Amino acid sequence: MLGLIRASVWREKTVSVCVDNLYVEPGSRRRGIASALMEAVDNWAREKEAQRIELHVWNFNRDALFLYQKIGMTPQRYILEKELKND
């Protein structure tokens, strides 16, 4: 296995596809595998008549952010947090 992707269809007010897992083996990265997996999800989402593809990515995951922006994804919301230290 070089990589995997898992996505599901959400039917609420509109139809969306949510990518909840994308992984490429470290030795196989930067070969276009993640882009190909995302393209497959894009095609599948169109077959399902989805209006959008959504996913969550951590801010520190710069490689993933670069990939998603490269394939046309844009930020839609921010989740902010503040870590509390208990003395």
C-alpha atoms as a PDB file:
ATOM      1  CA  MET A   1       0.000   0.000   0.000  1.00  0.00           C
ATOM      2  CA  LEU A   2       1.376   3.385  -0.978  1.00  0.00           C
ATOM      3  CA  GLY A   3      -1.492   5.474   0.341  1.00  0.00           C
ATOM      4  CA  LEU A   4      -5.131   5.553   1.309  1.00  0.00           C
ATOM      5  CA  ILE A   5      -8.002   7.972   1.472  1.00  0.00           C
ATOM      6  CA  ARG A   6     -11.350   7.695   3.255  1.00  0.00           C
ATOM      7  CA  ALA A   7     -14.286   9.923   2.442  1.00  0.00           C
ATOM      8  CA  SER A   8     -18.008   9.899   3.159  1.00  0.00           C
ATOM      9  CA  VAL A   9     -21.088  11.626   1.808  1.00  0.00           C
ATOM     10  CA  TRP A  10     -22.970  14.036   4.075  1.00  0.00           C
ATOM     11  CA  ARG A  11     -26.541  14.902   3.170  1.00  0.00           C
ATOM     12  CA  GLU A  12     -27.793  17.872   5.118  1.00  0.00           C
ATOM     13  CA  LYS A  13     -29.050  21.062   3.434  1.00  0.00           C
ATOM     14  CA  THR A  14     -26.631  20.287   0.614  1.00  0.00           C
ATOM     15  CA  VAL A  15     -24.593  17.258  -0.365  1.00  0.00           C
ATOM     16  CA  SER A  16     -20.966  17.347   0.740  1.00  0.00           C
ATOM     17  CA  VAL A  17     -18.153  14.846   0.721  1.00  0.00           C
ATOM     18  CA  CYS A  18     -15.927  14.835   3.784  1.00  0.00           C
ATOM     19  CA  VAL A  19     -12.393  13.516   3.553  1.00  0.00           C
ATOM     20  CA  ASP A  20     -11.568  12.240   7.023  1.00  0.00           C
ATOM     21  CA  ASN A  21      -8.318  10.414   6.319  1.00  0.00           C
ATOM     22  CA  LEU A  22      -5.539  10.812   3.748  1.00  0.00           C
ATOM     23  CA  TYR A  23      -2.248   9.024   4.204  1.00  0.00           C
ATOM     24  CA  VAL A  24       0.743   8.329   1.981  1.00  0.00           C
ATOM     25  CA  GLU A  25       3.646   6.138   3.108  1.00  0.00           C
ATOM     26  CA  PRO A  26       6.600   8.407   4.019  1.00  0.00           C
ATOM     27  CA  GLY A  27       8.891   6.815   1.429  1.00  0.00           C
ATOM     28  CA  SER A  28       6.313   7.401  -1.314  1.00  0.00           C
ATOM     29  CA  ARG A  29       5.534  11.063  -0.649  1.00  0.00           C
ATOM     30  CA  ARG A  30       6.066  13.851  -3.190  1.00  0.00           C
ATOM     31  CA  ARG A  31       5.238  11.546  -6.096  1.00  0.00           C
ATOM     32  CA  GLY A  32       1.715  12.808  -6.769  1.00  0.00           C
ATOM     33  CA  ILE A  33      -0.044  10.017  -4.868  1.00  0.00           C
ATOM     34  CA  ALA A  34      -1.979  12.338  -2.539  1.00  0.00           C
ATOM     35  CA  SER A  35      -3.020  14.503  -5.503  1.00  0.00           C
ATOM     36  CA  ALA A  36      -4.217  11.412  -7.364  1.00  0.00           C
ATOM     37  CA  LEU A  37      -6.184  10.223  -4.338  1.00  0.00           C
ATOM     38  CA  MET A  38      -7.800  13.659  -3.973  1.00  0.00           C
ATOM     39  CA  GLU A  39      -8.632  13.656  -7.695  1.00  0.00           C
ATOM     40  CA  ALA A  40     -10.332  10.274  -7.276  1.00  0.00           C
ATOM     41  CA  VAL A  41     -12.407  11.702  -4.410  1.00  0.00           C
ATOM     42  CA  ASP A  42     -13.221  14.748  -6.539  1.00  0.00           C
ATOM     43  CA  ASN A  43     -14.559  12.476  -9.301  1.00  0.00           C
ATOM     44  CA  TRP A  44     -16.478  10.337  -6.810  1.00  0.00           C
ATOM     45  CA  ALA A  45     -17.983  13.454  -5.196  1.00  0.00           C
ATOM     46  CA  ARG A  46     -19.195  14.649  -8.608  1.00  0.00           C
ATOM     47  CA  GLU A  47     -20.828  11.237  -9.209  1.00  0.00           C
ATOM     48  CA  LYS A  48     -22.636  11.689  -5.877  1.00  0.00           C
ATOM     49  CA  GLU A  49     -23.728  15.196  -7.011  1.00  0.00           C
ATOM     50  CA  ALA A  50     -21.933  16.791  -4.068  1.00  0.00           C
ATOM     51  CA  GLN A  51     -21.591  20.572  -3.996  1.00  0.00           C
ATOM     52  CA  ARG A  52     -18.313  20.563  -2.057  1.00  0.00           C
ATOM     53  CA  ILE A  53     -15.493  18.542  -0.576  1.00  0.00           C
ATOM     54  CA  GLU A  54     -14.556  19.308   3.022  1.00  0.00           C
ATOM     55  CA  LEU A  55     -11.711  18.240   5.263  1.00  0.00           C
ATOM     56  CA  HIS A  56      -9.945  19.297   8.430  1.00  0.00           C
ATOM     57  CA  VAL A  57      -6.205  19.810   8.625  1.00  0.00           C
ATOM     58  CA  TRP A  58      -3.965  20.875  11.490  1.00  0.00           C
ATOM     59  CA  ASN A  59      -2.278  24.252  11.083  1.00  0.00           C
ATOM     60  CA  PHE A  60       1.169  22.727  11.712  1.00  0.00           C
ATOM     61  CA  ASN A  61       0.749  20.290   8.800  1.00  0.00           C
ATOM     62  CA  ARG A  62       2.271  22.629   6.211  1.00  0.00           C
ATOM     63  CA  ASP A  63       2.768  19.943   3.546  1.00  0.00           C
ATOM     64  CA  ALA A  64      -0.923  19.049   3.645  1.00  0.00           C
ATOM     65  CA  LEU A  65      -1.966  22.710   3.616  1.00  0.00           C
ATOM     66  CA  PHE A  66       0.224  23.304   0.567  1.00  0.00           C
ATOM     67  CA  LEU A  67      -1.283  20.303  -1.233  1.00  0.00           C
ATOM     68  CA  TYR A  68      -4.871  21.309  -0.506  1.00  0.00           C
ATOM     69  CA  GLN A  69      -4.322  24.900  -1.605  1.00  0.00           C
ATOM     70  CA  LYS A  70      -2.534  23.655  -4.750  1.00  0.00           C
ATOM     71  CA  ILE A  71      -5.592  21.619  -5.764  1.00  0.00           C
ATOM     72  CA  GLY A  72      -7.942  24.560  -5.229  1.00  0.00           C
ATOM     73  CA  MET A  73      -9.206  24.185  -1.676  1.00  0.00           C
ATOM     74  CA  THR A  74      -9.675  27.324   0.416  1.00  0.00           C
ATOM     75  CA  PRO A  75     -10.151  27.875   4.174  1.00  0.00           C
ATOM     76  CA  GLN A  76     -13.795  28.213   5.204  1.00  0.00           C
ATOM     77  CA  ARG A  77     -13.610  28.422   9.004  1.00  0.00           C
ATOM     78  CA  TYR A  78     -11.111  28.553  11.821  1.00  0.00           C
ATOM     79  CA  ILE A  79     -11.163  26.686  15.110  1.00  0.00           C
ATOM     80  CA  LEU A  80      -9.142  28.500  17.734  1.00  0.00           C
ATOM     81  CA  GLU A  81      -8.015  27.133  21.057  1.00  0.00           C
ATOM     82  CA  LYS A  82      -6.211  28.248  24.127  1.00  0.00           C
ATOM     83  CA  GLU A  83      -4.378  25.682  26.196  1.00  0.00           C
ATOM     84  CA  LEU A  84      -4.971  26.156  29.920  1.00  0.00           C
ATOM     85  CA  LYS A  85      -2.254  25.425  32.405  1.00  0.00           C
ATOM     86  CA  ASN A  86      -3.471  24.218  35.767  1.00  0.00           C
ATOM     87  CA  ASP A  87      -1.108  25.352  38.526  1.00  0.00           C
END
